[in-house]
Amino acid sequence: MPGGPGLLISSAVFVTALALAALANLQMRRPYERRMHGIPWVAVQFVAVVVCFTLILHIAGLLTGHEFKGRAPY
């Protein structure tokens, strides 16, 4: 994989992160007594959303061929 993961792997990770974010959101909406305890659901949700946003940019780059770069000149 010279340029990173391909479209299939990126899509699979994106769908997994999206499902994990949805699960964490559902757990946070449940009453405190009915939640699964011992798991920091807010942190899980935050990390899953960051992974989703990153993979959206990566998949868009794979589909369009446009490489997203930062502001750095190098």
Protein backbone atom coordinates (compact mmCIF):
# COMPACT_ATOMS: atom_id res chain seq x y z
CA MET A 1 0.00 0.00 0.00
CA PRO A 2 2.19 2.85 -1.16
CA GLY A 3 -0.36 5.63 -0.66
CA GLY A 4 -2.15 4.34 2.40
CA PRO A 5 -5.25 2.19 2.69
CA GLY A 6 -7.44 1.74 -0.35
CA LEU A 7 -11.09 2.56 -0.80
CA LEU A 8 -12.42 -0.74 0.54
CA ILE A 9 -10.45 -0.66 3.80
CA SER A 10 -11.14 3.04 4.32
CA SER A 11 -14.86 2.53 3.79
CA ALA A 12 -14.94 -0.42 6.20
CA VAL A 13 -13.15 1.58 8.91
CA PHE A 14 -15.47 4.54 8.28
CA VAL A 15 -18.60 2.42 8.67
CA THR A 16 -17.18 0.81 11.83
CA ALA A 17 -16.34 4.20 13.36
CA LEU A 18 -19.78 5.52 12.44
CA ALA A 19 -21.46 2.53 14.10
CA LEU A 20 -19.30 2.95 17.19
CA ALA A 21 -20.21 6.64 17.38
CA ALA A 22 -23.90 5.76 17.09
CA LEU A 23 -23.58 3.13 19.83
CA ALA A 24 -21.82 5.60 22.12
CA ASN A 25 -24.49 8.20 21.41
CA LEU A 26 -27.25 5.73 22.25
CA GLN A 27 -25.50 4.74 25.48
CA MET A 28 -25.19 8.39 26.52
CA ARG A 29 -28.92 8.94 25.94
CA ARG A 30 -29.93 6.02 28.18
CA PRO A 31 -30.73 6.61 31.83
CA TYR A 32 -27.70 6.25 34.08
CA GLU A 33 -28.99 3.05 35.66
CA ARG A 34 -29.34 1.30 32.27
CA ARG A 35 -25.94 2.23 30.75
CA MET A 36 -23.03 -0.14 30.35
CA HIS A 37 -20.65 1.11 33.03
CA GLY A 38 -16.87 1.20 32.93
CA ILE A 39 -16.61 2.59 29.40
CA PRO A 40 -16.00 6.33 28.86
CA TRP A 41 -18.73 6.83 26.25
CA VAL A 42 -18.02 10.52 25.67
CA ALA A 43 -14.38 9.74 24.84
CA VAL A 44 -15.40 6.84 22.58
CA GLN A 45 -17.86 9.08 20.76
CA PHE A 46 -15.29 11.87 20.36
CA VAL A 47 -12.59 9.56 18.96
CA ALA A 48 -15.07 7.89 16.59
CA VAL A 49 -16.24 11.24 15.23
CA VAL A 50 -12.64 12.41 14.68
CA VAL A 51 -11.88 9.17 12.82
CA CYS A 52 -15.02 9.64 10.69
CA PHE A 53 -14.07 13.19 9.73
CA THR A 54 -10.53 12.13 8.86
CA LEU A 55 -11.75 9.25 6.74
CA ILE A 56 -14.25 11.45 4.91
CA LEU A 57 -11.31 13.56 3.72
CA HIS A 58 -9.29 10.46 2.87
CA ILE A 59 -12.11 8.84 0.88
CA ALA A 60 -12.81 12.10 -0.94
CA GLY A 61 -9.14 12.26 -1.84
CA LEU A 62 -9.22 8.69 -3.13
CA LEU A 63 -12.31 9.31 -5.25
CA THR A 64 -11.26 12.66 -6.72
CA GLY A 65 -7.50 12.19 -6.90
CA HIS A 66 -7.00 15.54 -5.14
CA GLU A 67 -4.52 15.40 -2.27
CA PHE A 68 -5.50 17.53 0.73
CA LYS A 69 -2.50 19.37 2.14
CA GLY A 70 -2.06 21.71 5.02
CA ARG A 71 -0.77 25.27 4.93
CA ALA A 72 2.86 24.28 5.33
CA PRO A 73 4.96 25.08 2.23
CA TYR A 74 6.83 21.74 2.29
